[in-house]
Amino acid sequence: MKAQQLGFDKLSTVQQWMCEHILGIQPATPDDKPEPRTSQADKWALHLTAARQYHQREGHLKVPRKNAAREAGTSAVLPQSARLRESA
């Protein structure tokens, strides 16, 4: 039923009428709708910013495994695969 509420505008007029009058399903309010997912590009930018801040603060990019950088209320964990290497 949650799928019908979230995709109510994609249903045909007859389906909307049936949901409202027969099943008692109303369209989801803006508060009920989930927040959009974070894109891979946004995640990459967040990790890159965290890596730059760590490098500026610590002077190296040998980030401990469980390091979590927190900036402006968000947390970005630098996964081992996303860590930058220091250029010589």
PDB file of N, CA and C in Angstrom:
ATOM      1  N   MET A   1       0.818  -1.182   0.000  1.00  0.00           N
ATOM      2  CA  MET A   1       0.000   0.000   0.000  1.00  0.00           C
ATOM      3  C   MET A   1       0.871   1.259   0.000  1.00  0.00           C
ATOM      4  N   LYS A   2       2.065   1.156   0.573  1.00  0.00           N
ATOM      5  CA  LYS A   2       2.962   2.307   0.606  1.00  0.00           C
ATOM      6  C   LYS A   2       3.374   2.711  -0.808  1.00  0.00           C
ATOM      7  N   ALA A   3       3.578   1.728  -1.677  1.00  0.00           N
ATOM      8  CA  ALA A   3       3.969   2.019  -3.060  1.00  0.00           C
ATOM      9  C   ALA A   3       2.871   2.785  -3.780  1.00  0.00           C
ATOM     10  N   GLN A   4       1.625   2.435  -3.524  1.00  0.00           N
ATOM     11  CA  GLN A   4       0.510   3.133  -4.160  1.00  0.00           C
ATOM     12  C   GLN A   4       0.401   4.561  -3.633  1.00  0.00           C
ATOM     13  N   GLN A   5       0.681   4.744  -2.345  1.00  0.00           N
ATOM     14  CA  GLN A   5       0.628   6.094  -1.788  1.00  0.00           C
ATOM     15  C   GLN A   5       1.725   6.976  -2.376  1.00  0.00           C
ATOM     16  N   LEU A   6       2.942   6.424  -2.474  1.00  0.00           N
ATOM     17  CA  LEU A   6       4.060   7.217  -2.985  1.00  0.00           C
ATOM     18  C   LEU A   6       3.953   7.472  -4.481  1.00  0.00           C
ATOM     19  N   GLY A   7       3.403   6.515  -5.235  1.00  0.00           N
ATOM     20  CA  GLY A   7       3.273   6.669  -6.678  1.00  0.00           C
ATOM     21  C   GLY A   7       1.859   6.986  -7.115  1.00  0.00           C
ATOM     22  N   PHE A   8       1.091   7.647  -6.254  1.00  0.00           N
ATOM     23  CA  PHE A   8      -0.321   7.910  -6.524  1.00  0.00           C
ATOM     24  C   PHE A   8      -0.525   8.702  -7.806  1.00  0.00           C
ATOM     25  N   ASP A   9       0.346   9.664  -8.066  1.00  0.00           N
ATOM     26  CA  ASP A   9       0.201  10.495  -9.265  1.00  0.00           C
ATOM     27  C   ASP A   9       0.502   9.727 -10.545  1.00  0.00           C
ATOM     28  N   LYS A  10       1.155   8.576 -10.432  1.00  0.00           N
ATOM     29  CA  LYS A  10       1.461   7.761 -11.610  1.00  0.00           C
ATOM     30  C   LYS A  10       0.328   6.792 -11.954  1.00  0.00           C
ATOM     31  N   LEU A  11      -0.621   6.635 -11.028  1.00  0.00           N
ATOM     32  CA  LEU A  11      -1.757   5.744 -11.280  1.00  0.00           C
ATOM     33  C   LEU A  11      -2.752   6.409 -12.217  1.00  0.00           C
ATOM     34  N   SER A  12      -3.520   5.594 -12.931  1.00  0.00           N
ATOM     35  CA  SER A  12      -4.558   6.148 -13.800  1.00  0.00           C
ATOM     36  C   SER A  12      -5.690   6.698 -12.927  1.00  0.00           C
ATOM     37  N   THR A  13      -6.569   7.457 -13.535  1.00  0.00           N
ATOM     38  CA  THR A  13      -7.684   8.062 -12.808  1.00  0.00           C
ATOM     39  C   THR A  13      -8.556   6.992 -12.157  1.00  0.00           C
ATOM     40  N   VAL A  14      -8.811   5.911 -12.884  1.00  0.00           N
ATOM     41  CA  VAL A  14      -9.638   4.823 -12.347  1.00  0.00           C
ATOM     42  C   VAL A  14      -8.938   4.157 -11.156  1.00  0.00           C
ATOM     43  N   GLN A  15      -7.633   3.936 -11.277  1.00  0.00           N
ATOM     44  CA  GLN A  15      -6.884   3.323 -10.179  1.00  0.00           C
ATOM     45  C   GLN A  15      -6.866   4.231  -8.949  1.00  0.00           C
ATOM     46  N   GLN A  16      -6.721   5.536  -9.173  1.00  0.00           N
ATOM     47  CA  GLN A  16      -6.753   6.484  -8.060  1.00  0.00           C
ATOM     48  C   GLN A  16      -8.111   6.446  -7.360  1.00  0.00           C
ATOM     49  N   TRP A  17      -9.193   6.426  -8.159  1.00  0.00           N
ATOM     50  CA  TRP A  17     -10.543   6.389  -7.587  1.00  0.00           C
ATOM     51  C   TRP A  17     -10.730   5.112  -6.769  1.00  0.00           C
ATOM     52  N   MET A  18     -10.270   3.969  -7.319  1.00  0.00           N
ATOM     53  CA  MET A  18     -10.413   2.696  -6.611  1.00  0.00           C
ATOM     54  C   MET A  18      -9.610   2.701  -5.304  1.00  0.00           C
ATOM     55  N   CYS A  19      -8.406   3.238  -5.348  1.00  0.00           N
ATOM     56  CA  CYS A  19      -7.596   3.309  -4.130  1.00  0.00           C
ATOM     57  C   CYS A  19      -8.279   4.159  -3.065  1.00  0.00           C
ATOM     58  N   GLU A  20      -8.822   5.304  -3.466  1.00  0.00           N
ATOM     59  CA  GLU A  20      -9.462   6.205  -2.509  1.00  0.00           C
ATOM     60  C   GLU A  20     -10.774   5.648  -1.970  1.00  0.00           C
ATOM     61  N   HIS A  21     -11.659   5.185  -2.846  1.00  0.00           N
ATOM     62  CA  HIS A  21     -13.016   4.837  -2.443  1.00  0.00           C
ATOM     63  C   HIS A  21     -13.196   3.386  -2.011  1.00  0.00           C
ATOM     64  N   ILE A  22     -12.462   2.473  -2.586  1.00  0.00           N
ATOM     65  CA  ILE A  22     -12.640   1.066  -2.243  1.00  0.00           C
ATOM     66  C   ILE A  22     -11.639   0.634  -1.165  1.00  0.00           C
ATOM     67  N   LEU A  23     -10.373   1.000  -1.342  1.00  0.00           N
ATOM     68  CA  LEU A  23      -9.345   0.569  -0.405  1.00  0.00           C
ATOM     69  C   LEU A  23      -9.060   1.580   0.702  1.00  0.00           C
ATOM     70  N   GLY A  24      -9.504   2.823   0.515  1.00  0.00           N
ATOM     71  CA  GLY A  24      -9.276   3.850   1.528  1.00  0.00           C
ATOM     72  C   GLY A  24      -7.845   4.366   1.565  1.00  0.00           C
ATOM     73  N   ILE A  25      -7.128   4.249   0.459  1.00  0.00           N
ATOM     74  CA  ILE A  25      -5.735   4.705   0.384  1.00  0.00           C
ATOM     75  C   ILE A  25      -5.713   6.142  -0.124  1.00  0.00           C
ATOM     76  N   GLN A  26      -5.062   7.021   0.615  1.00  0.00           N
ATOM     77  CA  GLN A  26      -4.919   8.419   0.228  1.00  0.00           C
ATOM     78  C   GLN A  26      -3.496   8.652  -0.282  1.00  0.00           C
ATOM     79  N   PRO A  27      -3.300   9.669  -1.151  1.00  0.00           N
ATOM     80  CA  PRO A  27      -1.940   9.962  -1.614  1.00  0.00           C
ATOM     81  C   PRO A  27      -1.032  10.353  -0.449  1.00  0.00           C
ATOM     82  N   ALA A  28       0.244  10.087  -0.595  1.00  0.00           N
ATOM     83  CA  ALA A  28       1.219  10.422   0.445  1.00  0.00           C
ATOM     84  C   ALA A  28       1.389  11.934   0.522  1.00  0.00           C
ATOM     85  N   THR A  29       1.515  12.429   1.740  1.00  0.00           N
ATOM     86  CA  THR A  29       1.780  13.846   1.941  1.00  0.00           C
ATOM     87  C   THR A  29       3.272  14.092   1.736  1.00  0.00           C
ATOM     88  N   PRO A  30       3.687  15.332   1.518  1.00  0.00           N
ATOM     89  CA  PRO A  30       5.127  15.601   1.338  1.00  0.00           C
ATOM     90  C   PRO A  30       5.971  15.120   2.517  1.00  0.00           C
ATOM     91  N   ASP A  31       5.399  15.099   3.727  1.00  0.00           N
ATOM     92  CA  ASP A  31       6.146  14.626   4.900  1.00  0.00           C
ATOM     93  C   ASP A  31       6.365  13.118   4.861  1.00  0.00           C
ATOM     94  N   ASP A  32       5.474  12.382   4.194  1.00  0.00           N
ATOM     95  CA  ASP A  32       5.567  10.923   4.125  1.00  0.00           C
ATOM     96  C   ASP A  32       6.573  10.442   3.084  1.00  0.00           C
ATOM     97  N   LYS A  33       6.898  11.292   2.125  1.00  0.00           N
ATOM     98  CA  LYS A  33       7.777  10.876   1.029  1.00  0.00           C
ATOM     99  C   LYS A  33       9.225  10.819   1.505  1.00  0.00           C
ATOM    100  N   PRO A  34       9.969   9.776   1.103  1.00  0.00           N
ATOM    101  CA  PRO A  34      11.366   9.666   1.527  1.00  0.00           C
ATOM    102  C   PRO A  34      12.236  10.711   0.835  1.00  0.00           C
ATOM    103  N   GLU A  35      13.346  11.027   1.483  1.00  0.00           N
ATOM    104  CA  GLU A  35      14.280  11.976   0.878  1.00  0.00           C
ATOM    105  C   GLU A  35      14.977  11.309  -0.305  1.00  0.00           C
ATOM    106  N   PRO A  36      15.328  12.100  -1.328  1.00  0.00           N
ATOM    107  CA  PRO A  36      16.011  11.506  -2.483  1.00  0.00           C
ATOM    108  C   PRO A  36      17.362  10.921  -2.078  1.00  0.00           C
ATOM    109  N   ARG A  37      17.776   9.890  -2.798  1.00  0.00           N
ATOM    110  CA  ARG A  37      19.045   9.239  -2.514  1.00  0.00           C
ATOM    111  C   ARG A  37      20.216  10.125  -2.905  1.00  0.00           C
ATOM    112  N   THR A  38      21.330   9.931  -2.217  1.00  0.00           N
ATOM    113  CA  THR A  38      22.547  10.666  -2.533  1.00  0.00           C
ATOM    114  C   THR A  38      23.207  10.004  -3.743  1.00  0.00           C
ATOM    115  N   SER A  39      23.540  10.800  -4.743  1.00  0.00           N
ATOM    116  CA  SER A  39      24.151  10.248  -5.951  1.00  0.00           C
ATOM    117  C   SER A  39      25.603   9.857  -5.680  1.00  0.00           C
ATOM    118  N   GLN A  40      26.131   9.008  -6.535  1.00  0.00           N
ATOM    119  CA  GLN A  40      27.528   8.589  -6.414  1.00  0.00           C
ATOM    120  C   GLN A  40      28.464   9.787  -6.547  1.00  0.00           C
ATOM    121  N   ALA A  41      28.116  10.728  -7.419  1.00  0.00           N
ATOM    122  CA  ALA A  41      28.949  11.927  -7.596  1.00  0.00           C
ATOM    123  C   ALA A  41      28.981  12.757  -6.315  1.00  0.00           C
ATOM    124  N   ASP A  42      27.827  12.862  -5.639  1.00  0.00           N
ATOM    125  CA  ASP A  42      27.786  13.611  -4.382  1.00  0.00           C
ATOM    126  C   ASP A  42      28.585  12.905  -3.294  1.00  0.00           C
ATOM    127  N   LYS A  43      28.494  11.567  -3.252  1.00  0.00           N
ATOM    128  CA  LYS A  43      29.265  10.807  -2.267  1.00  0.00           C
ATOM    129  C   LYS A  43      30.761  10.975  -2.523  1.00  0.00           C
ATOM    130  N   TRP A  44      31.158  10.917  -3.794  1.00  0.00           N
ATOM    131  CA  TRP A  44      32.570  11.082  -4.159  1.00  0.00           C
ATOM    132  C   TRP A  44      33.068  12.466  -3.750  1.00  0.00           C
ATOM    133  N   ALA A  45      32.276  13.490  -4.020  1.00  0.00           N
ATOM    134  CA  ALA A  45      32.664  14.853  -3.659  1.00  0.00           C
ATOM    135  C   ALA A  45      32.794  14.994  -2.145  1.00  0.00           C
ATOM    136  N   LEU A  46      31.901  14.372  -1.398  1.00  0.00           N
ATOM    137  CA  LEU A  46      31.961  14.420   0.062  1.00  0.00           C
ATOM    138  C   LEU A  46      33.231  13.740   0.570  1.00  0.00           C
ATOM    139  N   HIS A  47      33.558  12.573   0.011  1.00  0.00           N
ATOM    140  CA  HIS A  47      34.774  11.871   0.422  1.00  0.00           C
ATOM    141  C   HIS A  47      36.036  12.642   0.023  1.00  0.00           C
ATOM    142  N   LEU A  48      36.024  13.252  -1.152  1.00  0.00           N
ATOM    143  CA  LEU A  48      37.178  14.029  -1.592  1.00  0.00           C
ATOM    144  C   LEU A  48      37.399  15.233  -0.684  1.00  0.00           C
ATOM    145  N   THR A  49      36.321  15.900  -0.303  1.00  0.00           N
ATOM    146  CA  THR A  49      36.419  17.036   0.611  1.00  0.00           C
ATOM    147  C   THR A  49      36.962  16.586   1.957  1.00  0.00           C
ATOM    148  N   ALA A  50      36.466  15.458   2.454  1.00  0.00           N
ATOM    149  CA  ALA A  50      36.946  14.934   3.731  1.00  0.00           C
ATOM    150  C   ALA A  50      38.437  14.586   3.655  1.00  0.00           C
ATOM    151  N   ALA A  51      38.860  13.994   2.540  1.00  0.00           N
ATOM    152  CA  ALA A  51      40.273  13.644   2.371  1.00  0.00           C
ATOM    153  C   ALA A  51      41.146  14.897   2.332  1.00  0.00           C
ATOM    154  N   ARG A  52      40.676  15.921   1.648  1.00  0.00           N
ATOM    155  CA  ARG A  52      41.450  17.168   1.587  1.00  0.00           C
ATOM    156  C   ARG A  52      41.561  17.813   2.965  1.00  0.00           C
ATOM    157  N   GLN A  53      40.456  17.820   3.706  1.00  0.00           N
ATOM    158  CA  GLN A  53      40.484  18.400   5.049  1.00  0.00           C
ATOM    159  C   GLN A  53      41.410  17.609   5.965  1.00  0.00           C
ATOM    160  N   TYR A  54      41.372  16.285   5.866  1.00  0.00           N
ATOM    161  CA  TYR A  54      42.243  15.441   6.689  1.00  0.00           C
ATOM    162  C   TYR A  54      43.707  15.706   6.348  1.00  0.00           C
ATOM    163  N   HIS A  55      44.001  15.790   5.048  1.00  0.00           N
ATOM    164  CA  HIS A  55      45.383  16.040   4.618  1.00  0.00           C
ATOM    165  C   HIS A  55      45.855  17.403   5.100  1.00  0.00           C
ATOM    166  N   GLN A  56      44.985  18.390   5.017  1.00  0.00           N
ATOM    167  CA  GLN A  56      45.358  19.735   5.456  1.00  0.00           C
ATOM    168  C   GLN A  56      45.585  19.755   6.970  1.00  0.00           C
ATOM    169  N   ARG A  57      44.758  19.026   7.717  1.00  0.00           N
ATOM    170  CA  ARG A  57      44.846  19.006   9.170  1.00  0.00           C
ATOM    171  C   ARG A  57      46.011  18.147   9.672  1.00  0.00           C
ATOM    172  N   GLU A  58      46.199  16.962   9.073  1.00  0.00           N
ATOM    173  CA  GLU A  58      47.187  16.005   9.565  1.00  0.00           C
ATOM    174  C   GLU A  58      48.509  16.026   8.798  1.00  0.00           C
ATOM    175  N   GLY A  59      48.488  16.504   7.554  1.00  0.00           N
ATOM    176  CA  GLY A  59      49.708  16.562   6.757  1.00  0.00           C
ATOM    177  C   GLY A  59      50.024  15.271   6.010  1.00  0.00           C
ATOM    178  N   HIS A  60      49.135  14.292   6.060  1.00  0.00           N
ATOM    179  CA  HIS A  60      49.316  13.024   5.346  1.00  0.00           C
ATOM    180  C   HIS A  60      47.945  12.418   5.087  1.00  0.00           C
ATOM    181  N   LEU A  61      47.947  11.360   4.281  1.00  0.00           N
ATOM    182  CA  LEU A  61      46.686  10.673   3.972  1.00  0.00           C
ATOM    183  C   LEU A  61      46.722   9.214   4.410  1.00  0.00           C
ATOM    184  N   LYS A  62      47.479   8.925   5.441  1.00  0.00           N
ATOM    185  CA  LYS A  62      47.469   7.580   6.015  1.00  0.00           C
ATOM    186  C   LYS A  62      46.351   7.547   7.050  1.00  0.00           C
ATOM    187  N   VAL A  63      45.131   7.467   6.542  1.00  0.00           N
ATOM    188  CA  VAL A  63      43.938   7.586   7.377  1.00  0.00           C
ATOM    189  C   VAL A  63      43.704   6.294   8.143  1.00  0.00           C
ATOM    190  N   PRO A  64      43.510   6.376   9.481  1.00  0.00           N
ATOM    191  CA  PRO A  64      43.184   5.173  10.242  1.00  0.00           C
ATOM    192  C   PRO A  64      41.897   4.536   9.730  1.00  0.00           C
ATOM    193  N   ARG A  65      41.791   3.228   9.867  1.00  0.00           N
ATOM    194  CA  ARG A  65      40.674   2.473   9.315  1.00  0.00           C
ATOM    195  C   ARG A  65      39.309   2.994   9.788  1.00  0.00           C
ATOM    196  N   LYS A  66      39.181   3.330  11.054  1.00  0.00           N
ATOM    197  CA  LYS A  66      37.884   3.722  11.593  1.00  0.00           C
ATOM    198  C   LYS A  66      37.730   5.233  11.732  1.00  0.00           C
ATOM    199  N   ASN A  67      38.466   5.996  10.976  1.00  0.00           N
ATOM    200  CA  ASN A  67      38.369   7.448  11.038  1.00  0.00           C
ATOM    201  C   ASN A  67      37.044   7.925  10.440  1.00  0.00           C
ATOM    202  N   ALA A  68      36.384   8.853  11.113  1.00  0.00           N
ATOM    203  CA  ALA A  68      35.167   9.468  10.595  1.00  0.00           C
ATOM    204  C   ALA A  68      35.331  10.978  10.709  1.00  0.00           C
ATOM    205  N   ALA A  69      35.298  11.671   9.589  1.00  0.00           N
ATOM    206  CA  ALA A  69      35.428  13.122   9.573  1.00  0.00           C
ATOM    207  C   ALA A  69      34.034  13.729   9.611  1.00  0.00           C
ATOM    208  N   ARG A  70      33.825  14.653  10.517  1.00  0.00           N
ATOM    209  CA  ARG A  70      32.509  15.284  10.624  1.00  0.00           C
ATOM    210  C   ARG A  70      32.639  16.763  10.277  1.00  0.00           C
ATOM    211  N   GLU A  71      31.855  17.199   9.326  1.00  0.00           N
ATOM    212  CA  GLU A  71      31.898  18.582   8.867  1.00  0.00           C
ATOM    213  C   GLU A  71      30.479  19.051   8.622  1.00  0.00           C
ATOM    214  N   ALA A  72      30.093  20.123   9.227  1.00  0.00           N
ATOM    215  CA  ALA A  72      28.773  20.747   9.029  1.00  0.00           C
ATOM    216  C   ALA A  72      27.635  19.768   9.286  1.00  0.00           C
ATOM    217  N   GLY A  73      27.730  18.992  10.369  1.00  0.00           N
ATOM    218  CA  GLY A  73      26.644  18.112  10.756  1.00  0.00           C
ATOM    219  C   GLY A  73      26.554  16.808   9.992  1.00  0.00           C
ATOM    220  N   THR A  74      27.437  16.557   9.040  1.00  0.00           N
ATOM    221  CA  THR A  74      27.423  15.304   8.301  1.00  0.00           C
ATOM    222  C   THR A  74      28.675  14.522   8.657  1.00  0.00           C
ATOM    223  N   SER A  75      28.648  13.233   8.397  1.00  0.00           N
ATOM    224  CA  SER A  75      29.846  12.435   8.648  1.00  0.00           C
ATOM    225  C   SER A  75      30.254  11.754   7.354  1.00  0.00           C
ATOM    226  N   ALA A  76      31.508  11.811   7.073  1.00  0.00           N
ATOM    227  CA  ALA A  76      32.048  11.160   5.882  1.00  0.00           C
ATOM    228  C   ALA A  76      33.154  10.225   6.332  1.00  0.00           C
ATOM    229  N   VAL A  77      32.992   8.971   6.072  1.00  0.00           N
ATOM    230  CA  VAL A  77      34.009   7.992   6.421  1.00  0.00           C
ATOM    231  C   VAL A  77      34.821   7.721   5.167  1.00  0.00           C
ATOM    232  N   LEU A  78      36.125   7.863   5.279  1.00  0.00           N
ATOM    233  CA  LEU A  78      36.988   7.634   4.129  1.00  0.00           C
ATOM    234  C   LEU A  78      37.277   6.141   4.035  1.00  0.00           C
ATOM    235  N   PRO A  79      36.611   5.432   3.128  1.00  0.00           N
ATOM    236  CA  PRO A  79      36.903   4.009   2.990  1.00  0.00           C
ATOM    237  C   PRO A  79      38.312   3.809   2.448  1.00  0.00           C
ATOM    238  N   GLN A  80      38.875   2.672   2.772  1.00  0.00           N
ATOM    239  CA  GLN A  80      40.257   2.408   2.376  1.00  0.00           C
ATOM    240  C   GLN A  80      40.425   2.513   0.862  1.00  0.00           C
ATOM    241  N   SER A  81      39.426   2.103   0.093  1.00  0.00           N
ATOM    242  CA  SER A  81      39.530   2.155  -1.362  1.00  0.00           C
ATOM    243  C   SER A  81      39.454   3.575  -1.906  1.00  0.00           C
ATOM    244  N   ALA A  82      38.914   4.510  -1.133  1.00  0.00           N
ATOM    245  CA  ALA A  82      38.744   5.869  -1.626  1.00  0.00           C
ATOM    246  C   ALA A  82      39.825   6.821  -1.131  1.00  0.00           C
ATOM    247  N   ARG A  83      40.771   6.319  -0.354  1.00  0.00           N
ATOM    248  CA  ARG A  83      41.823   7.184   0.187  1.00  0.00           C
ATOM    249  C   ARG A  83      42.797   7.586  -0.921  1.00  0.00           C
ATOM    250  N   LEU A  84      43.208   8.819  -0.838  1.00  0.00           N
ATOM    251  CA  LEU A  84      44.158   9.331  -1.822  1.00  0.00           C
ATOM    252  C   LEU A  84      45.579   9.032  -1.363  1.00  0.00           C
ATOM    253  N   ARG A  85      46.451   8.869  -2.294  1.00  0.00           N
ATOM    254  CA  ARG A  85      47.859   8.646  -1.963  1.00  0.00           C
ATOM    255  C   ARG A  85      48.605   9.957  -2.058  1.00  0.00           C
ATOM    256  N   GLU A  86      49.573  10.123  -1.174  1.00  0.00           N
ATOM    257  CA  GLU A  86      50.374  11.332  -1.221  1.00  0.00           C
ATOM    258  C   GLU A  86      51.245  11.304  -2.470  1.00  0.00           C
ATOM    259  N   SER A  87      51.274  12.419  -3.155  1.00  0.00           N
ATOM    260  CA  SER A  87      52.140  12.493  -4.324  1.00  0.00           C
ATOM    261  C   SER A  87      53.529  12.910  -3.888  1.00  0.00           C
ATOM    262  N   ALA A  88      54.511  12.297  -4.473  1.00  0.00           N
ATOM    263  CA  ALA A  88      55.894  12.550  -4.064  1.00  0.00           C
ATOM    264  C   ALA A  88      56.445  13.783  -4.721  1.00  0.00           C
TER     265      ALA A  88
END
